[in-house]
Structure formats: C-alpha cells, structure tokens
C-alpha cells in the first residue's frame, strides 16, 4: 500500500513526473537541505513530490533497484516507493530503503549529517543500530561546495526558503 495518498498529493508544494525532472529536483532538494546529492541513486523515477509544510518527500520509480556505493562497499536496495521527512541535514522516518550489513538487511530510519560538519554521515535504524560513513561516499562528482558547506549541483538553481 502506498504512503502517498491523494490528500498528500493535493497538499504537495511540488510534484514532478518523469525521470529527467525528478532526478534534477530530488538532487536539488537534497543539496538545498545540506545532504549529499547521491544519497538516493534511483532510476526511472516516474513521480516525485515534496510537501514543504511538513517536509514529506516521495520518489516513485518503475521498479526496485539495488545500488552499491563503491567507496564504502555497501549494497543498498530501494523499493519502488521511497518516502521520508526532510529537513536541514536530516532525513527521518525513511521508508523503502534497506542496506546490507554483513548477512542481514537493515532498514535505516534516519540519516543525519553533523552540524557543524565533520565529514561524516550517520545512519540510524529503528533497531538502534547505527553506522557512520564519509559524506564523500554519497556525493556525486558533478557538484561544487558553496560558502555554507552545503553541496550544490552545477547549474542548479537554489531556492531561498
């Protein structure tokens, strides 16, 4: 059952359809919130949306996807629907994502960056397990750093909040 209801879609500040625009907008939002733009490497995104009042964000892709973050050697699986509440330096109540840790799949519920920046990104599971990795492992190469330390995609427009 989808977490993205008709009511949520009606209350959305932004909804986009199609892979190209959804890729651009999702990476832009991650960058605006100070998160690495490669954190959600989804493919064939058919819909994405953002409810600015609550911070609820969703991405729907055509099919599930597994991705290996080469710099840390971790495999992550993304369901067709990925949802979270986003705020500055944080994704919380994350759904649709699981990461392989040894022989188990762990479902992260929260992803945070330290503020002030330490170069680490922290993953916390509902079970209480947590891990930290270098932020650079989740950063795409086509970015530059702005004065505030948040990553901004090249040629992307950052909206003031």
Protein backbone atom coordinates (compact mmCIF):
# COMPACT_ATOMS: atom_id res chain seq x y z
CA UNK A 1 0.00 0.00 0.00
CA UNK A 2 1.33 3.39 -0.96
CA UNK A 3 2.12 6.00 1.67
CA UNK A 4 1.48 8.71 -0.91
CA UNK A 5 -2.25 9.31 -0.74
CA UNK A 6 -4.48 11.57 -2.80
CA UNK A 7 -4.58 14.01 0.13
CA UNK A 8 -0.79 14.17 0.25
CA UNK A 9 -0.59 14.81 -3.48
CA UNK A 10 -3.19 17.59 -3.15
CA UNK A 11 -1.21 19.23 -0.34
CA UNK A 12 2.12 18.98 -2.17
CA UNK A 13 4.10 22.14 -2.81
CA UNK A 14 5.82 20.44 -5.75
CA UNK A 15 5.03 17.34 -7.85
CA UNK A 16 7.01 16.29 -10.90
CA UNK A 17 6.56 13.46 -13.40
CA UNK A 18 9.29 11.83 -15.48
CA UNK A 19 12.80 10.64 -14.75
CA UNK A 20 14.78 13.64 -16.01
CA UNK A 21 12.96 16.32 -13.99
CA UNK A 22 12.61 14.07 -10.91
CA UNK A 23 16.35 13.30 -10.94
CA UNK A 24 17.13 17.01 -11.13
CA UNK A 25 14.62 18.09 -8.48
CA UNK A 26 15.47 15.32 -6.00
CA UNK A 27 19.20 16.07 -6.18
CA UNK A 28 18.47 19.78 -5.92
CA UNK A 29 16.35 19.27 -2.78
CA UNK A 30 19.00 17.08 -1.15
CA UNK A 31 21.62 19.75 -1.87
CA UNK A 32 19.39 22.55 -0.54
CA UNK A 33 18.98 20.61 2.70
CA UNK A 34 22.75 20.10 3.02
CA UNK A 35 22.62 16.38 2.21
CA UNK A 36 24.81 14.59 -0.37
CA UNK A 37 23.15 14.58 -3.77
CA UNK A 38 23.97 10.90 -4.44
CA UNK A 39 22.16 9.62 -1.35
CA UNK A 40 19.15 8.35 -3.35
CA UNK A 41 20.54 6.92 -6.61
CA UNK A 42 17.18 5.91 -8.05
CA UNK A 43 16.48 5.14 -11.71
CA UNK A 44 13.45 5.52 -13.95
CA UNK A 45 11.64 7.79 -11.49
CA UNK A 46 8.04 8.26 -12.60
CA UNK A 47 6.94 10.70 -9.88
CA UNK A 48 8.43 12.77 -7.09
CA UNK A 49 6.90 15.29 -4.74
CA UNK A 50 7.50 17.50 -1.76
CA UNK A 51 5.12 18.89 0.88
CA UNK A 52 7.01 21.93 2.14
CA UNK A 53 4.80 22.44 5.22
CA UNK A 54 5.61 19.01 6.68
CA UNK A 55 8.86 18.14 4.88
CA UNK A 56 7.34 14.97 3.44
CA UNK A 57 9.07 13.89 0.24
CA UNK A 58 8.46 10.91 -2.04
CA UNK A 59 10.02 9.32 -5.08
CA UNK A 60 8.36 6.55 -7.08
CA UNK A 61 10.44 4.56 -9.55
CA UNK A 62 9.33 1.98 -12.11
CA UNK A 63 10.96 -0.94 -10.30
CA UNK A 64 13.05 -1.78 -7.26
CA UNK A 65 16.77 -1.08 -7.54
CA UNK A 66 19.95 -2.25 -5.84
CA UNK A 67 22.95 0.06 -5.76
CA UNK A 68 26.49 -0.47 -4.49
CA UNK A 69 28.20 2.57 -3.03
CA UNK A 70 31.68 1.73 -4.29
CA UNK A 71 33.63 3.99 -1.93
CA UNK A 72 32.34 2.11 1.12
CA UNK A 73 31.47 -1.24 -0.49
CA UNK A 74 27.86 -1.23 0.77
CA UNK A 75 24.85 -2.52 -1.16
CA UNK A 76 21.57 -0.69 -0.70
CA UNK A 77 18.14 -1.70 -2.01
CA UNK A 78 15.46 0.82 -2.93
CA UNK A 79 11.80 -0.19 -3.26
CA UNK A 80 9.56 1.27 -5.94
CA UNK A 81 8.38 3.91 -3.45
CA UNK A 82 10.82 5.79 -1.21
CA UNK A 83 9.47 8.30 1.32
CA UNK A 84 10.92 10.43 4.12
CA UNK A 85 10.57 13.66 6.01
CA UNK A 86 13.38 16.01 5.07
CA UNK A 87 14.83 18.90 7.00
CA UNK A 88 18.18 20.65 7.09
CA UNK A 89 20.93 17.98 7.39
CA UNK A 90 18.40 15.17 8.06
CA UNK A 91 16.10 12.55 6.51
CA UNK A 92 13.81 10.92 9.07
CA UNK A 93 11.02 8.32 9.01
CA UNK A 94 12.67 6.89 5.90
CA UNK A 95 10.78 4.09 4.12
CA UNK A 96 11.59 1.98 1.08
CA UNK A 97 15.34 1.70 1.73
CA UNK A 98 17.40 -1.12 3.21
CA UNK A 99 21.15 -1.67 3.45
CA UNK A 100 23.08 -4.91 3.60
CA UNK A 101 25.21 -5.19 6.71
CA UNK A 102 27.15 -8.45 6.93
CA UNK A 103 24.49 -11.11 6.24
CA UNK A 104 21.42 -9.03 7.20
CA UNK A 105 19.36 -6.33 5.57
CA UNK A 106 18.98 -3.31 7.88
CA UNK A 107 16.30 -0.66 7.38
CA UNK A 108 17.63 2.81 8.16
CA UNK A 109 15.02 5.11 9.67
CA UNK A 110 17.11 8.27 9.94
CA UNK A 111 20.05 9.77 8.09
CA UNK A 112 21.81 12.81 9.51
CA UNK A 113 24.85 14.96 8.88
CA UNK A 114 26.69 16.51 11.77
CA UNK A 115 26.31 20.26 12.12
CA UNK A 116 28.94 21.72 12.24
CA UNK A 117 30.22 19.42 9.50
CA UNK A 118 32.60 16.61 10.44
CA UNK A 119 32.67 14.93 7.03
CA UNK A 120 30.56 12.04 8.35
CA UNK A 121 27.01 10.95 7.55
CA UNK A 122 25.15 8.94 10.18
CA UNK A 123 22.61 6.16 9.55
CA UNK A 124 20.32 5.00 12.34
CA UNK A 125 17.95 2.02 12.25
CA UNK A 126 14.77 1.55 14.25
CA UNK A 127 16.52 -1.36 16.00
CA UNK A 128 19.04 1.07 17.47
CA UNK A 129 21.91 0.05 15.21
CA UNK A 130 23.86 2.94 13.75
CA UNK A 131 26.81 3.48 11.42
CA UNK A 132 28.76 6.47 10.16
CA UNK A 133 30.43 6.82 6.77
CA UNK A 134 32.29 9.58 4.91
CA UNK A 135 29.88 12.01 3.24
CA UNK A 136 32.03 11.78 0.10
CA UNK A 137 30.83 8.18 -0.44
CA UNK A 138 27.35 9.54 -1.24
CA UNK A 139 28.36 12.64 -3.17
CA UNK A 140 28.15 12.72 -6.97
CA UNK A 141 31.13 14.15 -8.83
CA UNK A 142 29.17 16.91 -10.61
CA UNK A 143 28.92 19.17 -7.57
CA UNK A 144 30.69 22.11 -6.05
CA UNK A 145 30.76 23.38 -2.48
CA UNK A 146 29.07 26.65 -1.65
CA UNK A 147 30.13 29.02 1.11
CA UNK A 148 27.76 27.46 3.67
CA UNK A 149 29.22 24.00 3.19
CA UNK A 150 26.14 22.51 1.51
CA UNK A 151 26.67 20.75 -1.78
CA UNK A 152 25.02 22.30 -4.81
CA UNK A 153 24.67 20.63 -8.19
CA UNK A 154 26.34 22.53 -11.01
CA UNK A 155 23.91 24.74 -12.92
CA UNK A 156 21.13 24.06 -10.38
CA UNK A 157 19.17 26.96 -9.01
CA UNK A 158 18.90 27.04 -5.24
CA UNK A 159 15.64 28.44 -3.94
CA UNK A 160 15.72 30.56 -0.80
CA UNK A 161 13.44 29.26 1.94
